[in-house]
Amino acid sequence: ENCNMLIVASQHPSTTLQEFVTWARKQPQGVKYGSPGVGTTPHLSSELFRARTGIPMLHIPFRGVAQSMPALLSGDTDFAIENVASYMSMIKAGKVRALAVTSKDRWPTLPDVPTMSEAGLPNFIITSWGAFVFPRGTPPAIADRLAAEIKAIAADPAVQQRFLDIGARIISSTPQQLTDLAESERVKWKEMVQLAAIKME
């Protein structure tokens, strides 16, 4: 899995999430945020942030991080809620500042950055994830065997580090835990799509 983080350019006056919220509420024209495209997790995360804070926001969609990043750095947009991997090099270079991460717990490679909940915005957990799936009707014994093998691989410190190096983290689960996660994620993402007023064209 990986997560998003709320970031501002290094020259921004805010150093915490609450400072940013206070600053944003004082802007007479609201604030602008960029995303790598309509319907992406950064877009939906930002719309959830707008709904939870009540801050007027203008969404500026780009065709990927390669375009949205320069807009943030130049001040054309005020903030972004972006994937950890996309901006890690910018954080290390001191060009952007992470104010909070959207994972349940602090992100391993950003131990000093609080979670959204710790920063004052509870129930704001957004992660992206992938999983191994089988066709319906696959014998449970086969799924259980693969789950056991993945658990063993995920416990390998070298494998864990390789995932962290690219901005992700490897975790294992049982087939039932994955089923439960998928169901809860469907409910959450449906809510965010409705908040963003996204419609199929």
N, C-alpha and C. Protein backbone atom coordinates (compact mmCIF):
# COMPACT_ATOMS: atom_id res chain seq x y z
N GLU A 1 0.84 -1.19 0.00
CA GLU A 1 0.00 0.00 0.00
C GLU A 1 0.88 1.24 0.00
N ASN A 2 0.29 2.38 -0.35
CA ASN A 2 0.95 3.66 -0.16
C ASN A 2 -0.11 4.67 0.27
N CYS A 3 0.33 5.86 0.62
CA CYS A 3 -0.63 6.85 1.11
C CYS A 3 -0.33 8.20 0.49
N ASN A 4 -1.22 9.13 0.75
CA ASN A 4 -1.03 10.50 0.31
C ASN A 4 -0.56 11.35 1.48
N MET A 5 -0.17 12.57 1.18
CA MET A 5 0.21 13.52 2.22
C MET A 5 -0.19 14.92 1.77
N LEU A 6 -0.55 15.76 2.70
CA LEU A 6 -0.86 17.15 2.38
C LEU A 6 0.45 17.92 2.41
N ILE A 7 0.76 18.57 1.29
CA ILE A 7 2.03 19.28 1.17
C ILE A 7 1.81 20.70 0.72
N VAL A 8 2.75 21.56 1.10
CA VAL A 8 2.80 22.95 0.65
C VAL A 8 4.24 23.23 0.21
N ALA A 9 4.42 24.27 -0.58
CA ALA A 9 5.77 24.65 -0.98
C ALA A 9 6.53 25.15 0.25
N SER A 10 7.84 25.05 0.21
CA SER A 10 8.65 25.40 1.37
C SER A 10 8.50 26.86 1.78
N GLN A 11 8.15 27.73 0.82
CA GLN A 11 8.00 29.15 1.15
C GLN A 11 6.65 29.48 1.78
N HIS A 12 5.76 28.51 1.85
CA HIS A 12 4.44 28.75 2.44
C HIS A 12 4.58 29.03 3.93
N PRO A 13 3.78 29.97 4.48
CA PRO A 13 3.91 30.31 5.91
C PRO A 13 3.48 29.21 6.87
N SER A 14 2.70 28.24 6.40
CA SER A 14 2.18 27.20 7.30
C SER A 14 3.21 26.10 7.54
N THR A 15 3.35 25.73 8.80
CA THR A 15 4.26 24.63 9.15
C THR A 15 3.51 23.45 9.77
N THR A 16 2.21 23.63 10.04
CA THR A 16 1.37 22.55 10.56
C THR A 16 0.05 22.56 9.80
N LEU A 17 -0.69 21.46 9.91
CA LEU A 17 -1.98 21.38 9.23
C LEU A 17 -2.94 22.43 9.77
N GLN A 18 -2.97 22.62 11.09
CA GLN A 18 -3.88 23.60 11.66
C GLN A 18 -3.53 25.02 11.23
N GLU A 19 -2.24 25.31 11.11
CA GLU A 19 -1.84 26.62 10.60
C GLU A 19 -2.31 26.81 9.16
N PHE A 20 -2.24 25.75 8.37
CA PHE A 20 -2.69 25.85 6.98
C PHE A 20 -4.20 26.08 6.92
N VAL A 21 -4.96 25.36 7.72
CA VAL A 21 -6.41 25.52 7.74
C VAL A 21 -6.77 26.95 8.14
N THR A 22 -6.11 27.47 9.17
CA THR A 22 -6.36 28.85 9.61
C THR A 22 -6.02 29.84 8.50
N TRP A 23 -4.89 29.63 7.84
CA TRP A 23 -4.47 30.51 6.74
C TRP A 23 -5.46 30.44 5.59
N ALA A 24 -5.86 29.23 5.23
CA ALA A 24 -6.75 29.05 4.08
C ALA A 24 -8.11 29.70 4.31
N ARG A 25 -8.60 29.65 5.53
CA ARG A 25 -9.91 30.24 5.82
C ARG A 25 -9.89 31.77 5.75
N LYS A 26 -8.71 32.34 5.79
CA LYS A 26 -8.58 33.80 5.71
C LYS A 26 -8.45 34.31 4.28
N GLN A 27 -8.30 33.39 3.31
CA GLN A 27 -8.10 33.81 1.93
C GLN A 27 -9.44 34.20 1.31
N PRO A 28 -9.62 35.45 0.91
CA PRO A 28 -10.93 35.92 0.42
C PRO A 28 -11.42 35.18 -0.82
N GLN A 29 -10.51 34.69 -1.64
CA GLN A 29 -10.90 33.97 -2.86
C GLN A 29 -10.80 32.45 -2.70
N GLY A 30 -10.60 32.00 -1.48
CA GLY A 30 -10.41 30.58 -1.28
C GLY A 30 -9.00 30.17 -1.65
N VAL A 31 -8.76 28.88 -1.80
CA VAL A 31 -7.44 28.37 -2.14
C VAL A 31 -7.52 27.48 -3.37
N LYS A 32 -6.37 27.26 -3.99
CA LYS A 32 -6.30 26.42 -5.19
C LYS A 32 -5.45 25.18 -4.89
N TYR A 33 -5.88 24.08 -5.42
CA TYR A 33 -5.07 22.88 -5.30
C TYR A 33 -4.98 22.20 -6.66
N GLY A 34 -3.84 21.57 -6.90
CA GLY A 34 -3.65 20.85 -8.14
C GLY A 34 -3.71 19.35 -7.90
N SER A 35 -4.00 18.62 -8.95
CA SER A 35 -3.98 17.16 -8.88
C SER A 35 -3.50 16.63 -10.23
N PRO A 36 -3.07 15.37 -10.25
CA PRO A 36 -2.64 14.79 -11.52
C PRO A 36 -3.79 14.34 -12.42
N GLY A 37 -5.02 14.74 -12.08
CA GLY A 37 -6.14 14.42 -12.94
C GLY A 37 -7.43 14.18 -12.19
N VAL A 38 -8.55 14.37 -12.88
CA VAL A 38 -9.87 14.15 -12.29
C VAL A 38 -10.05 12.68 -11.94
N GLY A 39 -10.52 12.43 -10.73
CA GLY A 39 -10.80 11.07 -10.30
C GLY A 39 -9.62 10.35 -9.68
N THR A 40 -8.45 10.98 -9.65
CA THR A 40 -7.28 10.36 -9.01
C THR A 40 -7.43 10.45 -7.49
N THR A 41 -6.66 9.65 -6.77
CA THR A 41 -6.76 9.72 -5.31
C THR A 41 -6.37 11.10 -4.77
N PRO A 42 -5.38 11.82 -5.36
CA PRO A 42 -5.12 13.18 -4.88
C PRO A 42 -6.32 14.10 -5.05
N HIS A 43 -7.03 13.98 -6.17
CA HIS A 43 -8.22 14.79 -6.39
C HIS A 43 -9.30 14.46 -5.36
N LEU A 44 -9.60 13.19 -5.20
CA LEU A 44 -10.65 12.79 -4.27
C LEU A 44 -10.27 13.09 -2.83
N SER A 45 -9.00 12.91 -2.49
CA SER A 45 -8.54 13.24 -1.14
C SER A 45 -8.73 14.73 -0.85
N SER A 46 -8.43 15.55 -1.82
CA SER A 46 -8.55 17.00 -1.65
C SER A 46 -10.01 17.41 -1.52
N GLU A 47 -10.89 16.74 -2.25
CA GLU A 47 -12.31 17.05 -2.13
C GLU A 47 -12.85 16.64 -0.76
N LEU A 48 -12.34 15.55 -0.23
CA LEU A 48 -12.73 15.17 1.13
C LEU A 48 -12.22 16.21 2.12
N PHE A 49 -11.02 16.70 1.91
CA PHE A 49 -10.45 17.74 2.76
C PHE A 49 -11.31 19.00 2.71
N ARG A 50 -11.74 19.36 1.50
CA ARG A 50 -12.63 20.52 1.34
C ARG A 50 -13.93 20.32 2.12
N ALA A 51 -14.52 19.12 2.00
CA ALA A 51 -15.78 18.85 2.67
C ALA A 51 -15.63 18.85 4.19
N ARG A 52 -14.52 18.33 4.68
CA ARG A 52 -14.32 18.24 6.13
C ARG A 52 -13.97 19.58 6.76
N THR A 53 -13.33 20.47 6.01
CA THR A 53 -12.89 21.75 6.57
C THR A 53 -13.81 22.91 6.21
N GLY A 54 -14.56 22.76 5.12
CA GLY A 54 -15.44 23.85 4.67
C GLY A 54 -14.70 24.98 3.98
N ILE A 55 -13.44 24.77 3.63
CA ILE A 55 -12.65 25.81 2.97
C ILE A 55 -13.01 25.87 1.49
N PRO A 56 -13.33 27.04 0.95
CA PRO A 56 -13.58 27.15 -0.50
C PRO A 56 -12.31 26.81 -1.27
N MET A 57 -12.44 25.92 -2.24
CA MET A 57 -11.26 25.46 -2.99
C MET A 57 -11.57 25.37 -4.47
N LEU A 58 -10.57 25.66 -5.27
CA LEU A 58 -10.64 25.51 -6.71
C LEU A 58 -9.71 24.38 -7.12
N HIS A 59 -10.26 23.40 -7.82
CA HIS A 59 -9.46 22.28 -8.30
C HIS A 59 -8.88 22.59 -9.66
N ILE A 60 -7.56 22.42 -9.79
CA ILE A 60 -6.89 22.61 -11.06
C ILE A 60 -6.28 21.27 -11.47
N PRO A 61 -6.94 20.55 -12.37
CA PRO A 61 -6.41 19.25 -12.79
C PRO A 61 -5.29 19.40 -13.82
N PHE A 62 -4.27 18.60 -13.68
CA PHE A 62 -3.16 18.57 -14.63
C PHE A 62 -3.09 17.19 -15.26
N ARG A 63 -2.16 17.01 -16.17
CA ARG A 63 -1.99 15.71 -16.82
C ARG A 63 -0.87 14.92 -16.17
N GLY A 64 -0.86 14.90 -14.86
CA GLY A 64 0.16 14.15 -14.16
C GLY A 64 0.98 15.01 -13.22
N VAL A 65 1.77 14.37 -12.39
CA VAL A 65 2.59 15.06 -11.39
C VAL A 65 3.63 15.96 -12.04
N ALA A 66 4.12 15.58 -13.22
CA ALA A 66 5.14 16.38 -13.90
C ALA A 66 4.64 17.80 -14.19
N GLN A 67 3.31 17.98 -14.29
CA GLN A 67 2.75 19.31 -14.49
C GLN A 67 2.25 19.94 -13.19
N SER A 68 1.70 19.13 -12.31
CA SER A 68 1.15 19.69 -11.07
C SER A 68 2.25 20.12 -10.10
N MET A 69 3.39 19.44 -10.12
CA MET A 69 4.48 19.77 -9.20
C MET A 69 5.03 21.18 -9.43
N PRO A 70 5.34 21.60 -10.67
CA PRO A 70 5.84 22.96 -10.88
C PRO A 70 4.84 24.03 -10.43
N ALA A 71 3.55 23.74 -10.58
CA ALA A 71 2.53 24.70 -10.16
C ALA A 71 2.56 24.91 -8.66
N LEU A 72 2.77 23.84 -7.91
CA LEU A 72 2.87 23.96 -6.46
C LEU A 72 4.13 24.71 -6.06
N LEU A 73 5.25 24.36 -6.67
CA LEU A 73 6.53 24.99 -6.33
C LEU A 73 6.54 26.47 -6.64
N SER A 74 5.83 26.89 -7.69
CA SER A 74 5.82 28.30 -8.09
C SER A 74 4.78 29.12 -7.35
N GLY A 75 3.88 28.45 -6.63
CA GLY A 75 2.84 29.17 -5.92
C GLY A 75 1.57 29.36 -6.73
N ASP A 76 1.50 28.77 -7.92
CA ASP A 76 0.27 28.86 -8.72
C ASP A 76 -0.86 28.08 -8.05
N THR A 77 -0.51 27.05 -7.29
CA THR A 77 -1.48 26.36 -6.45
C THR A 77 -0.99 26.46 -5.02
N ASP A 78 -1.91 26.37 -4.08
CA ASP A 78 -1.58 26.60 -2.67
C ASP A 78 -1.17 25.34 -1.91
N PHE A 79 -1.70 24.20 -2.33
CA PHE A 79 -1.37 22.96 -1.65
C PHE A 79 -1.69 21.79 -2.57
N ALA A 80 -1.29 20.62 -2.14
CA ALA A 80 -1.65 19.40 -2.85
C ALA A 80 -1.75 18.28 -1.83
N ILE A 81 -2.61 17.34 -2.11
CA ILE A 81 -2.63 16.09 -1.34
C ILE A 81 -2.19 15.04 -2.33
N GLU A 82 -0.93 14.67 -2.22
CA GLU A 82 -0.29 13.85 -3.24
C GLU A 82 0.33 12.57 -2.67
N ASN A 83 0.64 11.67 -3.57
CA ASN A 83 1.26 10.40 -3.21
C ASN A 83 2.64 10.61 -2.60
N VAL A 84 2.95 9.88 -1.55
CA VAL A 84 4.23 10.00 -0.88
C VAL A 84 5.40 9.82 -1.86
N ALA A 85 5.30 8.81 -2.70
CA ALA A 85 6.40 8.51 -3.61
C ALA A 85 6.67 9.65 -4.58
N SER A 86 5.62 10.35 -5.01
CA SER A 86 5.77 11.40 -6.02
C SER A 86 6.60 12.58 -5.52
N TYR A 87 6.52 12.87 -4.22
CA TYR A 87 7.15 14.08 -3.70
C TYR A 87 8.27 13.82 -2.69
N MET A 88 8.64 12.57 -2.47
CA MET A 88 9.66 12.29 -1.46
C MET A 88 10.97 13.01 -1.76
N SER A 89 11.38 13.03 -3.02
CA SER A 89 12.64 13.70 -3.37
C SER A 89 12.55 15.20 -3.13
N MET A 90 11.36 15.78 -3.34
CA MET A 90 11.15 17.21 -3.11
C MET A 90 11.20 17.55 -1.62
N ILE A 91 10.71 16.62 -0.81
CA ILE A 91 10.77 16.81 0.65
C ILE A 91 12.22 16.78 1.11
N LYS A 92 12.96 15.78 0.63
CA LYS A 92 14.36 15.65 1.03
C LYS A 92 15.18 16.85 0.58
N ALA A 93 14.80 17.45 -0.55
CA ALA A 93 15.52 18.61 -1.08
C ALA A 93 15.07 19.91 -0.41
N GLY A 94 14.06 19.82 0.45
CA GLY A 94 13.58 21.02 1.15
C GLY A 94 12.72 21.93 0.30
N LYS A 95 12.19 21.42 -0.81
CA LYS A 95 11.39 22.27 -1.70
C LYS A 95 9.91 22.26 -1.35
N VAL A 96 9.46 21.20 -0.68
CA VAL A 96 8.08 21.15 -0.20
C VAL A 96 8.08 20.67 1.24
N ARG A 97 6.97 20.95 1.92
CA ARG A 97 6.83 20.59 3.33
C ARG A 97 5.60 19.71 3.49
N ALA A 98 5.76 18.56 4.09
CA ALA A 98 4.63 17.67 4.37
C ALA A 98 4.02 18.05 5.71
N LEU A 99 2.71 18.31 5.72
CA LEU A 99 2.03 18.71 6.95
C LEU A 99 1.31 17.54 7.63
N ALA A 100 0.92 16.54 6.85
CA ALA A 100 0.24 15.37 7.42
C ALA A 100 0.16 14.28 6.37
N VAL A 101 0.11 13.03 6.84
CA VAL A 101 -0.06 11.90 5.94
C VAL A 101 -1.45 11.30 6.15
N THR A 102 -1.97 10.62 5.11
CA THR A 102 -3.33 10.10 5.18
C THR A 102 -3.40 8.63 5.60
N SER A 103 -2.29 8.07 6.02
CA SER A 103 -2.29 6.68 6.50
C SER A 103 -2.80 6.63 7.94
N LYS A 104 -3.17 5.43 8.39
CA LYS A 104 -3.67 5.26 9.76
C LYS A 104 -2.59 5.58 10.77
N ASP A 105 -1.37 5.12 10.49
CA ASP A 105 -0.22 5.36 11.37
C ASP A 105 0.80 6.20 10.61
N ARG A 106 1.76 6.74 11.32
CA ARG A 106 2.80 7.53 10.66
C ARG A 106 3.51 6.69 9.61
N TRP A 107 3.86 7.34 8.51
CA TRP A 107 4.52 6.63 7.42
C TRP A 107 5.97 6.35 7.81
N PRO A 108 6.46 5.13 7.56
CA PRO A 108 7.80 4.73 8.01
C PRO A 108 8.93 5.65 7.57
N THR A 109 8.86 6.19 6.36
CA THR A 109 9.95 7.04 5.86
C THR A 109 9.73 8.51 6.16
N LEU A 110 8.61 8.83 6.85
CA LEU A 110 8.33 10.21 7.27
C LEU A 110 7.92 10.20 8.75
N PRO A 111 8.77 9.73 9.63
CA PRO A 111 8.38 9.54 11.03
C PRO A 111 8.03 10.82 11.78
N ASP A 112 8.49 11.96 11.29
CA ASP A 112 8.22 13.22 11.98
C ASP A 112 6.95 13.91 11.49
N VAL A 113 6.32 13.35 10.47
CA VAL A 113 5.10 13.94 9.91
C VAL A 113 3.89 13.28 10.54
N PRO A 114 2.99 14.05 11.17
CA PRO A 114 1.83 13.45 11.83
C PRO A 114 0.81 12.90 10.85
N THR A 115 -0.04 12.03 11.35
CA THR A 115 -1.18 11.58 10.55
C THR A 115 -2.21 12.70 10.54
N MET A 116 -3.18 12.60 9.66
CA MET A 116 -4.26 13.60 9.62
C MET A 116 -4.96 13.68 10.98
N SER A 117 -5.18 12.52 11.59
CA SER A 117 -5.84 12.48 12.89
C SER A 117 -5.01 13.20 13.95
N GLU A 118 -3.72 12.90 13.98
CA GLU A 118 -2.84 13.56 14.94
C GLU A 118 -2.78 15.06 14.70
N ALA A 119 -2.94 15.46 13.44
CA ALA A 119 -2.85 16.88 13.10
C ALA A 119 -4.17 17.62 13.29
N GLY A 120 -5.20 16.89 13.73
CA GLY A 120 -6.46 17.56 14.05
C GLY A 120 -7.61 17.27 13.12
N LEU A 121 -7.44 16.35 12.17
CA LEU A 121 -8.52 16.02 11.24
C LEU A 121 -8.78 14.51 11.30
N PRO A 122 -9.63 14.05 12.23
CA PRO A 122 -9.85 12.62 12.42
C PRO A 122 -10.60 11.97 11.26
N ASN A 123 -10.55 10.65 11.22
CA ASN A 123 -11.27 9.87 10.21
C ASN A 123 -10.91 10.28 8.79
N PHE A 124 -9.63 10.48 8.55
CA PHE A 124 -9.16 10.86 7.23
C PHE A 124 -8.04 9.89 6.84
N ILE A 125 -8.44 8.65 6.59
CA ILE A 125 -7.48 7.61 6.24
C ILE A 125 -7.68 7.23 4.77
N ILE A 126 -6.69 7.52 3.98
CA ILE A 126 -6.77 7.22 2.54
C ILE A 126 -5.47 6.56 2.10
N THR A 127 -5.58 5.35 1.60
CA THR A 127 -4.42 4.64 1.08
C THR A 127 -4.76 4.06 -0.29
N SER A 128 -3.73 3.80 -1.06
CA SER A 128 -3.88 3.08 -2.32
C SER A 128 -3.27 1.70 -2.10
N TRP A 129 -3.86 0.69 -2.69
CA TRP A 129 -3.36 -0.65 -2.44
C TRP A 129 -3.62 -1.56 -3.64
N GLY A 130 -2.87 -2.63 -3.66
CA GLY A 130 -3.05 -3.66 -4.67
C GLY A 130 -3.12 -5.01 -3.98
N ALA A 131 -3.66 -5.99 -4.66
CA ALA A 131 -3.82 -7.30 -4.03
C ALA A 131 -3.83 -8.40 -5.08
N PHE A 132 -3.52 -9.61 -4.65
CA PHE A 132 -3.66 -10.79 -5.50
C PHE A 132 -5.11 -11.27 -5.41
N VAL A 133 -5.74 -11.51 -6.53
CA VAL A 133 -7.12 -11.98 -6.53
C VAL A 133 -7.25 -13.21 -7.43
N PHE A 134 -8.27 -14.02 -7.15
CA PHE A 134 -8.57 -15.20 -7.93
C PHE A 134 -9.97 -15.09 -8.52
N PRO A 135 -10.26 -15.87 -9.57
CA PRO A 135 -11.64 -15.92 -10.07
C PRO A 135 -12.57 -16.48 -9.00
N ARG A 136 -13.82 -16.03 -9.00
CA ARG A 136 -14.80 -16.57 -8.06
C ARG A 136 -14.88 -18.09 -8.23
N GLY A 137 -14.95 -18.79 -7.13
CA GLY A 137 -15.04 -20.24 -7.20
C GLY A 137 -13.72 -20.96 -7.02
N THR A 138 -12.63 -20.21 -6.92
CA THR A 138 -11.33 -20.84 -6.68
C THR A 138 -11.37 -21.54 -5.30
N PRO A 139 -10.89 -22.78 -5.21
CA PRO A 139 -10.91 -23.48 -3.92
C PRO A 139 -10.21 -22.68 -2.82
N PRO A 140 -10.80 -22.56 -1.65
CA PRO A 140 -10.20 -21.80 -0.54
C PRO A 140 -8.79 -22.25 -0.20
N ALA A 141 -8.50 -23.52 -0.37
CA ALA A 141 -7.17 -24.03 -0.02
C ALA A 141 -6.09 -23.37 -0.87
N ILE A 142 -6.41 -23.08 -2.12
CA ILE A 142 -5.44 -22.43 -3.00
C ILE A 142 -5.19 -20.99 -2.55
N ALA A 143 -6.27 -20.28 -2.25
CA ALA A 143 -6.14 -18.90 -1.78
C ALA A 143 -5.38 -18.84 -0.46
N ASP A 144 -5.67 -19.78 0.43
CA ASP A 144 -4.99 -19.81 1.72
C ASP A 144 -3.50 -20.10 1.55
N ARG A 145 -3.17 -20.97 0.60
CA ARG A 145 -1.76 -21.30 0.36
C ARG A 145 -1.00 -20.07 -0.14
N LEU A 146 -1.60 -19.35 -1.10
CA LEU A 146 -0.94 -18.15 -1.62
C LEU A 146 -0.80 -17.10 -0.52
N ALA A 147 -1.85 -16.94 0.31
CA ALA A 147 -1.80 -15.97 1.40
C ALA A 147 -0.65 -16.28 2.35
N ALA A 148 -0.44 -17.55 2.62
CA ALA A 148 0.65 -17.96 3.51
C ALA A 148 2.01 -17.65 2.90
N GLU A 149 2.15 -17.87 1.60
CA GLU A 149 3.42 -17.59 0.91
C GLU A 149 3.70 -16.08 0.90
N ILE A 150 2.65 -15.28 0.64
CA ILE A 150 2.81 -13.82 0.63
C ILE A 150 3.18 -13.31 2.01
N LYS A 151 2.58 -13.90 3.04
CA LYS A 151 2.91 -13.50 4.41
C LYS A 151 4.38 -13.72 4.70
N ALA A 152 4.92 -14.84 4.23
CA ALA A 152 6.33 -15.14 4.46
C ALA A 152 7.22 -14.15 3.70
N ILE A 153 6.84 -13.82 2.47
CA ILE A 153 7.61 -12.86 1.67
C ILE A 153 7.57 -11.48 2.32
N ALA A 154 6.37 -11.07 2.77
CA ALA A 154 6.20 -9.74 3.36
C ALA A 154 6.97 -9.58 4.66
N ALA A 155 7.34 -10.68 5.30
CA ALA A 155 8.08 -10.62 6.57
C ALA A 155 9.57 -10.44 6.35
N ASP A 156 10.03 -10.54 5.11
CA ASP A 156 11.45 -10.43 4.80
C ASP A 156 11.87 -8.95 4.87
N PRO A 157 12.78 -8.59 5.76
CA PRO A 157 13.20 -7.19 5.89
C PRO A 157 13.74 -6.59 4.59
N ALA A 158 14.41 -7.39 3.78
CA ALA A 158 14.95 -6.88 2.51
C ALA A 158 13.82 -6.51 1.56
N VAL A 159 12.78 -7.32 1.53
CA VAL A 159 11.63 -7.03 0.67
C VAL A 159 10.91 -5.78 1.19
N GLN A 160 10.74 -5.68 2.49
CA GLN A 160 10.10 -4.51 3.08
C GLN A 160 10.85 -3.24 2.71
N GLN A 161 12.18 -3.29 2.76
CA GLN A 161 12.97 -2.11 2.43
C GLN A 161 12.85 -1.73 0.96
N ARG A 162 12.78 -2.72 0.09
CA ARG A 162 12.64 -2.42 -1.34
C ARG A 162 11.33 -1.69 -1.61
N PHE A 163 10.27 -2.08 -0.93
CA PHE A 163 9.00 -1.38 -1.09
C PHE A 163 9.08 0.04 -0.54
N LEU A 164 9.69 0.19 0.65
CA LEU A 164 9.82 1.52 1.24
C LEU A 164 10.64 2.44 0.35
N ASP A 165 11.62 1.90 -0.33
CA ASP A 165 12.48 2.70 -1.20
C ASP A 165 11.72 3.33 -2.36
N ILE A 166 10.62 2.70 -2.76
CA ILE A 166 9.83 3.25 -3.86
C ILE A 166 8.56 3.96 -3.36
N GLY A 167 8.48 4.16 -2.04
CA GLY A 167 7.36 4.92 -1.48
C GLY A 167 6.14 4.09 -1.12
N ALA A 168 6.32 2.80 -0.97
CA ALA A 168 5.19 1.93 -0.62
C ALA A 168 5.56 1.05 0.56
N ARG A 169 4.63 0.21 0.94
CA ARG A 169 4.92 -0.73 2.02
C ARG A 169 4.18 -2.02 1.74
N ILE A 170 4.83 -3.12 1.98
CA ILE A 170 4.22 -4.42 1.71
C ILE A 170 3.59 -4.95 2.99
N ILE A 171 2.34 -5.38 2.87
CA ILE A 171 1.62 -5.95 4.01
C ILE A 171 0.93 -7.23 3.54
N SER A 172 0.60 -8.09 4.47
CA SER A 172 -0.09 -9.33 4.13
C SER A 172 -1.41 -9.40 4.90
N SER A 173 -2.30 -10.23 4.40
CA SER A 173 -3.60 -10.38 5.06
C SER A 173 -4.16 -11.75 4.71
N THR A 174 -5.25 -12.10 5.34
CA THR A 174 -5.97 -13.33 4.98
C THR A 174 -6.98 -12.98 3.88
N PRO A 175 -7.46 -13.98 3.16
CA PRO A 175 -8.50 -13.71 2.15
C PRO A 175 -9.71 -12.98 2.73
N GLN A 176 -10.13 -13.33 3.93
CA GLN A 176 -11.30 -12.68 4.52
C GLN A 176 -10.99 -11.22 4.88
N GLN A 177 -9.80 -10.97 5.38
CA GLN A 177 -9.42 -9.58 5.70
C GLN A 177 -9.42 -8.73 4.45
N LEU A 178 -8.95 -9.28 3.33
CA LEU A 178 -8.95 -8.54 2.08
C LEU A 178 -10.37 -8.28 1.60
N THR A 179 -11.24 -9.27 1.73
CA THR A 179 -12.65 -9.10 1.35
C THR A 179 -13.29 -7.97 2.15
N ASP A 180 -13.03 -7.96 3.46
CA ASP A 180 -13.59 -6.93 4.33
C ASP A 180 -13.04 -5.54 3.96
N LEU A 181 -11.73 -5.49 3.66
CA LEU A 181 -11.13 -4.21 3.27
C LEU A 181 -11.74 -3.69 1.98
N ALA A 182 -11.88 -4.56 1.00
CA ALA A 182 -12.44 -4.15 -0.29
C ALA A 182 -13.85 -3.59 -0.12
N GLU A 183 -14.65 -4.21 0.74
CA GLU A 183 -16.02 -3.74 0.95
C GLU A 183 -16.03 -2.36 1.59
N SER A 184 -15.19 -2.15 2.60
CA SER A 184 -15.16 -0.84 3.26
C SER A 184 -14.61 0.23 2.33
N GLU A 185 -13.66 -0.15 1.46
CA GLU A 185 -13.10 0.80 0.51
C GLU A 185 -14.14 1.23 -0.52
N ARG A 186 -14.99 0.30 -0.95
CA ARG A 186 -16.04 0.66 -1.92
C ARG A 186 -16.96 1.74 -1.36
N VAL A 187 -17.31 1.60 -0.09
CA VAL A 187 -18.19 2.59 0.55
C VAL A 187 -17.48 3.94 0.63
N LYS A 188 -16.22 3.94 1.04
CA LYS A 188 -15.47 5.19 1.21
C LYS A 188 -15.28 5.91 -0.12
N TRP A 189 -14.84 5.19 -1.15
CA TRP A 189 -14.58 5.83 -2.43
C TRP A 189 -15.86 6.30 -3.10
N LYS A 190 -16.95 5.60 -2.90
CA LYS A 190 -18.23 6.06 -3.43
C LYS A 190 -18.59 7.41 -2.83
N GLU A 191 -18.36 7.55 -1.51
CA GLU A 191 -18.63 8.82 -0.84
C GLU A 191 -17.77 9.94 -1.42
N MET A 192 -16.50 9.66 -1.67
CA MET A 192 -15.61 10.70 -2.17
C MET A 192 -15.93 11.08 -3.60
N VAL A 193 -16.34 10.12 -4.42
CA VAL A 193 -16.74 10.44 -5.79
C VAL A 193 -17.99 11.34 -5.77
N GLN A 194 -18.89 11.06 -4.84
CA GLN A 194 -20.10 11.90 -4.72
C GLN A 194 -19.73 13.30 -4.24
N LEU A 195 -18.80 13.40 -3.28
CA LEU A 195 -18.36 14.72 -2.80
C LEU A 195 -17.73 15.53 -3.93
N ALA A 196 -16.98 14.86 -4.79
CA ALA A 196 -16.31 15.54 -5.89
C ALA A 196 -17.23 15.77 -7.08
N ALA A 197 -18.46 15.26 -7.00
CA ALA A 197 -19.44 15.43 -8.08
C ALA A 197 -18.91 14.94 -9.42
N ILE A 198 -18.19 13.80 -9.39
CA ILE A 198 -17.64 13.23 -10.62
C ILE A 198 -18.69 12.38 -11.29
N LYS A 199 -18.86 12.58 -12.60
CA LYS A 199 -19.82 11.80 -13.38
C LYS A 199 -19.13 11.19 -14.59
N MET A 200 -19.61 10.03 -14.99
CA MET A 200 -19.08 9.39 -16.19
C MET A 200 -19.50 10.21 -17.41
N GLU A 201 -18.56 10.37 -18.34
CA GLU A 201 -18.87 11.11 -19.57
C GLU A 201 -18.97 10.14 -20.75
